[in-house]
Amino acid sequence: MTHMFKKIDHVQLTAPTGSEYEAREFYAGMLGMEEVKKPESLEANGGVWFRFGEFELHIGIEEPYTPAKKAHPAFEVDQLDEFIALLEEHKVNYTVDDQLPNANRIYLNDPFGNRLEVLEWIEQ
């Protein structure tokens, strides 16, 4: 094989037309991700991009819009209990899932109905 995958460059989720403000409020405002300026050649497409650490999450515009109900990104965090407190403070619903060995994890939906997984690995 002459090519090798190096890493995931970004994950893209979608949102309905005109939802950039709400995406900024959720991903940057509440979750604390940094907004990344999109290349000028892509600005007309709408949407908004975010960065956390060395990873990027892109919110693209899609019409007609259908949220990702099963497919999802999974975000590893430290102090899942503090993250849950943040969600509760902002009245964001989540579901606890205990089916993954050696992990505490929850699922939630972004403002557009996309499924997000957040987990903290437990050291054995």
N, C-alpha and C. Protein backbone atom coordinates (compact mmCIF):
# COMPACT_ATOMS: atom_id res chain seq x y z
N MET A 1 0.85 -1.17 0.00
CA MET A 1 0.00 0.00 0.00
C MET A 1 0.90 1.24 0.00
N THR A 2 0.61 2.17 -0.88
CA THR A 2 1.46 3.36 -0.99
C THR A 2 0.95 4.55 -0.20
N HIS A 3 -0.26 4.47 0.31
CA HIS A 3 -0.76 5.58 1.14
C HIS A 3 -1.00 5.07 2.55
N MET A 4 -0.93 5.98 3.50
CA MET A 4 -1.20 5.63 4.89
C MET A 4 -2.09 6.71 5.49
N PHE A 5 -3.10 6.30 6.22
CA PHE A 5 -3.90 7.26 6.95
C PHE A 5 -3.06 7.79 8.10
N LYS A 6 -3.08 9.10 8.30
CA LYS A 6 -2.30 9.72 9.37
C LYS A 6 -3.13 10.04 10.59
N LYS A 7 -4.30 10.63 10.39
CA LYS A 7 -5.17 11.00 11.50
C LYS A 7 -6.50 11.46 10.92
N ILE A 8 -7.47 11.64 11.77
CA ILE A 8 -8.71 12.27 11.34
C ILE A 8 -8.46 13.77 11.36
N ASP A 9 -8.69 14.43 10.24
CA ASP A 9 -8.46 15.86 10.15
C ASP A 9 -9.58 16.64 10.84
N HIS A 10 -10.81 16.23 10.62
CA HIS A 10 -11.95 16.87 11.27
C HIS A 10 -13.17 15.95 11.20
N VAL A 11 -14.15 16.28 11.99
CA VAL A 11 -15.45 15.62 11.94
C VAL A 11 -16.46 16.68 11.53
N GLN A 12 -17.37 16.33 10.64
CA GLN A 12 -18.41 17.29 10.25
C GLN A 12 -19.77 16.78 10.67
N LEU A 13 -20.52 17.66 11.31
CA LEU A 13 -21.93 17.45 11.60
C LEU A 13 -22.69 18.49 10.78
N THR A 14 -23.98 18.31 10.66
CA THR A 14 -24.75 19.27 9.87
C THR A 14 -25.80 19.95 10.73
N ALA A 15 -26.30 21.05 10.20
CA ALA A 15 -27.32 21.85 10.87
C ALA A 15 -28.16 22.51 9.79
N PRO A 16 -29.35 22.99 10.15
CA PRO A 16 -30.20 23.64 9.16
C PRO A 16 -29.71 25.04 8.80
N THR A 17 -30.18 25.54 7.69
CA THR A 17 -29.84 26.88 7.23
C THR A 17 -30.10 27.91 8.33
N GLY A 18 -29.17 28.84 8.50
CA GLY A 18 -29.35 29.93 9.45
C GLY A 18 -29.05 29.59 10.89
N SER A 19 -28.38 28.48 11.15
CA SER A 19 -28.16 28.03 12.52
C SER A 19 -26.77 28.34 13.06
N GLU A 20 -25.99 29.16 12.36
CA GLU A 20 -24.62 29.43 12.78
C GLU A 20 -24.55 30.07 14.17
N TYR A 21 -25.44 31.01 14.46
CA TYR A 21 -25.43 31.67 15.77
C TYR A 21 -25.64 30.64 16.88
N GLU A 22 -26.64 29.79 16.70
CA GLU A 22 -26.93 28.76 17.71
C GLU A 22 -25.77 27.78 17.85
N ALA A 23 -25.11 27.45 16.74
CA ALA A 23 -23.93 26.57 16.80
C ALA A 23 -22.83 27.23 17.62
N ARG A 24 -22.61 28.53 17.39
CA ARG A 24 -21.59 29.25 18.16
C ARG A 24 -21.93 29.28 19.65
N GLU A 25 -23.20 29.51 19.97
CA GLU A 25 -23.63 29.55 21.37
C GLU A 25 -23.38 28.21 22.06
N PHE A 26 -23.65 27.11 21.36
CA PHE A 26 -23.50 25.78 21.96
C PHE A 26 -22.05 25.33 22.00
N TYR A 27 -21.40 25.29 20.84
CA TYR A 27 -20.05 24.71 20.76
C TYR A 27 -18.97 25.62 21.33
N ALA A 28 -19.03 26.91 21.06
CA ALA A 28 -18.03 27.83 21.61
C ALA A 28 -18.48 28.36 22.96
N GLY A 29 -19.71 28.88 23.02
CA GLY A 29 -20.19 29.49 24.25
C GLY A 29 -20.30 28.53 25.42
N MET A 30 -21.02 27.45 25.24
CA MET A 30 -21.22 26.51 26.35
C MET A 30 -20.09 25.51 26.48
N LEU A 31 -19.70 24.87 25.37
CA LEU A 31 -18.69 23.80 25.46
C LEU A 31 -17.26 24.32 25.46
N GLY A 32 -17.04 25.58 25.08
CA GLY A 32 -15.71 26.18 25.17
C GLY A 32 -14.77 25.88 24.02
N MET A 33 -15.30 25.42 22.88
CA MET A 33 -14.44 25.20 21.72
C MET A 33 -14.10 26.56 21.09
N GLU A 34 -12.99 26.61 20.41
CA GLU A 34 -12.54 27.84 19.74
C GLU A 34 -13.08 27.86 18.31
N GLU A 35 -13.69 28.97 17.92
CA GLU A 35 -14.14 29.08 16.54
C GLU A 35 -12.94 29.29 15.62
N VAL A 36 -12.97 28.62 14.47
CA VAL A 36 -11.91 28.70 13.48
C VAL A 36 -12.49 29.39 12.25
N LYS A 37 -11.76 30.35 11.71
CA LYS A 37 -12.21 31.03 10.49
C LYS A 37 -12.15 30.06 9.33
N LYS A 38 -13.27 29.99 8.61
CA LYS A 38 -13.32 29.13 7.42
C LYS A 38 -12.56 29.80 6.28
N PRO A 39 -12.00 29.03 5.38
CA PRO A 39 -11.39 29.62 4.19
C PRO A 39 -12.43 30.44 3.42
N GLU A 40 -12.00 31.56 2.88
CA GLU A 40 -12.90 32.45 2.16
C GLU A 40 -13.67 31.71 1.06
N SER A 41 -13.01 30.77 0.41
CA SER A 41 -13.65 30.03 -0.68
C SER A 41 -14.81 29.15 -0.21
N LEU A 42 -14.91 28.91 1.10
CA LEU A 42 -15.98 28.06 1.64
C LEU A 42 -17.03 28.84 2.43
N GLU A 43 -16.81 30.12 2.66
CA GLU A 43 -17.73 30.91 3.48
C GLU A 43 -19.14 30.94 2.92
N ALA A 44 -19.29 30.96 1.61
CA ALA A 44 -20.62 31.02 1.00
C ALA A 44 -21.46 29.78 1.29
N ASN A 45 -20.82 28.69 1.69
CA ASN A 45 -21.54 27.46 2.00
C ASN A 45 -22.28 27.52 3.33
N GLY A 46 -21.96 28.53 4.15
CA GLY A 46 -22.54 28.62 5.48
C GLY A 46 -21.84 27.66 6.43
N GLY A 47 -22.35 27.59 7.63
CA GLY A 47 -21.75 26.73 8.64
C GLY A 47 -20.67 27.44 9.43
N VAL A 48 -20.09 26.73 10.36
CA VAL A 48 -19.07 27.29 11.24
C VAL A 48 -18.15 26.16 11.71
N TRP A 49 -16.88 26.49 11.89
CA TRP A 49 -15.89 25.50 12.30
C TRP A 49 -15.37 25.81 13.70
N PHE A 50 -15.01 24.74 14.43
CA PHE A 50 -14.48 24.87 15.79
C PHE A 50 -13.25 24.00 15.95
N ARG A 51 -12.42 24.37 16.94
CA ARG A 51 -11.22 23.60 17.26
C ARG A 51 -11.17 23.40 18.78
N PHE A 52 -10.68 22.23 19.17
CA PHE A 52 -10.36 21.95 20.57
C PHE A 52 -9.13 21.07 20.54
N GLY A 53 -8.08 21.49 21.24
CA GLY A 53 -6.81 20.76 21.16
C GLY A 53 -6.34 20.74 19.72
N GLU A 54 -6.02 19.56 19.21
CA GLU A 54 -5.55 19.43 17.82
C GLU A 54 -6.66 18.95 16.88
N PHE A 55 -7.90 18.96 17.35
CA PHE A 55 -9.02 18.44 16.58
C PHE A 55 -9.95 19.55 16.13
N GLU A 56 -10.66 19.31 15.02
CA GLU A 56 -11.64 20.26 14.54
C GLU A 56 -12.99 19.59 14.36
N LEU A 57 -14.02 20.36 14.62
CA LEU A 57 -15.40 19.96 14.40
C LEU A 57 -16.01 21.00 13.47
N HIS A 58 -16.53 20.56 12.35
CA HIS A 58 -17.15 21.47 11.38
C HIS A 58 -18.65 21.27 11.40
N ILE A 59 -19.37 22.36 11.46
CA ILE A 59 -20.83 22.32 11.35
C ILE A 59 -21.17 22.84 9.97
N GLY A 60 -21.66 21.95 9.12
CA GLY A 60 -22.03 22.30 7.76
C GLY A 60 -23.53 22.48 7.65
N ILE A 61 -23.95 23.25 6.66
CA ILE A 61 -25.37 23.50 6.43
C ILE A 61 -25.91 22.49 5.43
N GLU A 62 -27.07 21.93 5.76
CA GLU A 62 -27.68 20.93 4.90
C GLU A 62 -29.19 21.16 4.84
N GLU A 63 -29.73 21.22 3.64
CA GLU A 63 -31.18 21.33 3.43
C GLU A 63 -31.59 20.34 2.35
N PRO A 64 -32.60 19.55 2.57
CA PRO A 64 -33.33 19.50 3.82
C PRO A 64 -32.45 18.89 4.91
N TYR A 65 -32.70 19.31 6.13
CA TYR A 65 -31.85 18.91 7.25
C TYR A 65 -32.42 17.69 7.96
N THR A 66 -31.56 16.73 8.25
CA THR A 66 -31.89 15.57 9.06
C THR A 66 -30.73 15.34 10.03
N PRO A 67 -30.97 15.38 11.33
CA PRO A 67 -29.87 15.19 12.28
C PRO A 67 -29.33 13.76 12.27
N ALA A 68 -28.06 13.62 12.65
CA ALA A 68 -27.44 12.30 12.81
C ALA A 68 -27.94 11.71 14.13
N LYS A 69 -28.72 10.65 14.05
CA LYS A 69 -29.31 10.04 15.25
C LYS A 69 -28.45 8.92 15.83
N LYS A 70 -27.71 8.22 15.00
CA LYS A 70 -26.88 7.10 15.46
C LYS A 70 -25.40 7.42 15.25
N ALA A 71 -25.04 7.86 14.03
CA ALA A 71 -23.65 8.25 13.77
C ALA A 71 -23.32 9.43 14.68
N HIS A 72 -22.09 9.48 15.20
CA HIS A 72 -21.75 10.55 16.14
C HIS A 72 -20.25 10.63 16.35
N PRO A 73 -19.77 11.81 16.75
CA PRO A 73 -18.41 11.91 17.25
C PRO A 73 -18.43 11.55 18.75
N ALA A 74 -17.32 11.05 19.23
CA ALA A 74 -17.17 10.76 20.66
C ALA A 74 -16.04 11.63 21.19
N PHE A 75 -16.32 12.39 22.23
CA PHE A 75 -15.35 13.30 22.82
C PHE A 75 -14.90 12.75 24.17
N GLU A 76 -13.59 12.60 24.33
CA GLU A 76 -13.05 12.18 25.62
C GLU A 76 -12.82 13.41 26.48
N VAL A 77 -13.24 13.35 27.74
CA VAL A 77 -13.06 14.46 28.67
C VAL A 77 -12.41 13.96 29.95
N ASP A 78 -11.84 14.88 30.69
CA ASP A 78 -11.47 14.67 32.08
C ASP A 78 -12.63 15.20 32.91
N GLN A 79 -12.91 14.57 34.02
CA GLN A 79 -13.94 15.04 34.94
C GLN A 79 -15.33 15.07 34.29
N LEU A 80 -15.80 13.91 33.89
CA LEU A 80 -17.11 13.82 33.28
C LEU A 80 -18.19 14.38 34.21
N ASP A 81 -18.00 14.22 35.51
CA ASP A 81 -19.01 14.75 36.44
C ASP A 81 -19.12 16.27 36.36
N GLU A 82 -18.00 16.96 36.13
CA GLU A 82 -18.05 18.41 35.95
C GLU A 82 -18.72 18.78 34.63
N PHE A 83 -18.51 17.98 33.59
CA PHE A 83 -19.17 18.21 32.31
C PHE A 83 -20.67 18.03 32.46
N ILE A 84 -21.08 17.01 33.19
CA ILE A 84 -22.50 16.77 33.43
C ILE A 84 -23.10 17.95 34.20
N ALA A 85 -22.37 18.48 35.17
CA ALA A 85 -22.86 19.65 35.91
C ALA A 85 -23.07 20.84 34.97
N LEU A 86 -22.18 21.02 34.00
CA LEU A 86 -22.33 22.08 33.01
C LEU A 86 -23.61 21.88 32.20
N LEU A 87 -23.83 20.64 31.75
CA LEU A 87 -25.05 20.35 31.00
C LEU A 87 -26.29 20.65 31.83
N GLU A 88 -26.27 20.23 33.08
CA GLU A 88 -27.42 20.46 33.95
C GLU A 88 -27.65 21.95 34.18
N GLU A 89 -26.58 22.70 34.33
CA GLU A 89 -26.68 24.15 34.51
C GLU A 89 -27.36 24.81 33.31
N HIS A 90 -27.09 24.28 32.12
CA HIS A 90 -27.66 24.83 30.89
C HIS A 90 -28.93 24.09 30.44
N LYS A 91 -29.41 23.19 31.32
CA LYS A 91 -30.63 22.43 31.05
C LYS A 91 -30.57 21.63 29.74
N VAL A 92 -29.40 21.02 29.52
CA VAL A 92 -29.20 20.15 28.35
C VAL A 92 -29.41 18.71 28.81
N ASN A 93 -30.34 18.02 28.18
CA ASN A 93 -30.63 16.63 28.52
C ASN A 93 -29.51 15.71 28.05
N TYR A 94 -29.28 14.65 28.80
CA TYR A 94 -28.28 13.65 28.44
C TYR A 94 -28.75 12.30 28.96
N THR A 95 -28.15 11.24 28.43
CA THR A 95 -28.45 9.88 28.84
C THR A 95 -27.16 9.20 29.27
N VAL A 96 -27.16 8.61 30.44
CA VAL A 96 -26.01 7.86 30.94
C VAL A 96 -26.02 6.48 30.30
N ASP A 97 -24.86 6.03 29.86
CA ASP A 97 -24.73 4.71 29.25
C ASP A 97 -23.59 3.98 29.95
N ASP A 98 -23.87 2.81 30.51
CA ASP A 98 -22.84 2.06 31.24
C ASP A 98 -22.42 0.78 30.51
N GLN A 99 -22.63 0.71 29.22
CA GLN A 99 -22.36 -0.53 28.48
C GLN A 99 -20.93 -0.66 27.99
N LEU A 100 -20.14 0.40 28.03
CA LEU A 100 -18.75 0.33 27.56
C LEU A 100 -17.84 0.06 28.75
N PRO A 101 -17.16 -1.10 28.78
CA PRO A 101 -16.28 -1.41 29.90
C PRO A 101 -15.19 -0.35 30.07
N ASN A 102 -14.88 -0.07 31.31
CA ASN A 102 -13.80 0.86 31.69
C ASN A 102 -14.05 2.29 31.25
N ALA A 103 -15.31 2.68 31.10
CA ALA A 103 -15.61 4.06 30.72
C ALA A 103 -16.89 4.52 31.39
N ASN A 104 -16.90 5.77 31.76
CA ASN A 104 -18.13 6.47 32.11
C ASN A 104 -18.49 7.27 30.88
N ARG A 105 -19.74 7.17 30.43
CA ARG A 105 -20.09 7.92 29.23
C ARG A 105 -21.55 8.32 29.23
N ILE A 106 -21.78 9.37 28.46
CA ILE A 106 -23.12 9.89 28.28
C ILE A 106 -23.34 10.19 26.80
N TYR A 107 -24.60 10.32 26.45
CA TYR A 107 -24.99 10.80 25.13
C TYR A 107 -25.86 12.02 25.30
N LEU A 108 -25.73 12.96 24.39
CA LEU A 108 -26.57 14.13 24.36
C LEU A 108 -26.76 14.53 22.90
N ASN A 109 -27.66 15.45 22.68
CA ASN A 109 -27.88 15.98 21.33
C ASN A 109 -27.47 17.43 21.31
N ASP A 110 -26.87 17.86 20.20
CA ASP A 110 -26.60 19.29 20.04
C ASP A 110 -27.93 19.98 19.74
N PRO A 111 -27.94 21.30 19.61
CA PRO A 111 -29.21 22.01 19.40
C PRO A 111 -29.95 21.59 18.13
N PHE A 112 -29.28 20.88 17.23
CA PHE A 112 -29.88 20.50 15.96
C PHE A 112 -30.28 19.03 15.93
N GLY A 113 -30.11 18.32 17.06
CA GLY A 113 -30.50 16.92 17.16
C GLY A 113 -29.41 15.92 16.83
N ASN A 114 -28.19 16.40 16.52
CA ASN A 114 -27.08 15.48 16.25
C ASN A 114 -26.66 14.81 17.55
N ARG A 115 -26.40 13.52 17.49
CA ARG A 115 -25.97 12.75 18.65
C ARG A 115 -24.50 13.01 18.94
N LEU A 116 -24.17 13.24 20.21
CA LEU A 116 -22.79 13.40 20.67
C LEU A 116 -22.54 12.43 21.81
N GLU A 117 -21.40 11.79 21.80
CA GLU A 117 -20.98 10.93 22.91
C GLU A 117 -19.87 11.65 23.65
N VAL A 118 -19.92 11.61 24.98
CA VAL A 118 -18.86 12.18 25.81
C VAL A 118 -18.49 11.11 26.83
N LEU A 119 -17.19 10.83 26.91
CA LEU A 119 -16.77 9.75 27.79
C LEU A 119 -15.48 10.08 28.53
N GLU A 120 -15.33 9.39 29.65
CA GLU A 120 -14.11 9.46 30.46
C GLU A 120 -13.67 8.03 30.73
N TRP A 121 -12.44 7.71 30.32
CA TRP A 121 -11.91 6.36 30.53
C TRP A 121 -11.54 6.19 32.00
N ILE A 122 -11.83 5.03 32.55
CA ILE A 122 -11.52 4.71 33.93
C ILE A 122 -10.28 3.84 33.95
N GLU A 123 -9.29 4.25 34.71
CA GLU A 123 -8.06 3.46 34.80
C GLU A 123 -8.32 2.24 35.67
N GLN A 124 -7.80 1.13 35.22
CA GLN A 124 -7.98 -0.13 35.96
C GLN A 124 -6.75 -0.47 36.75
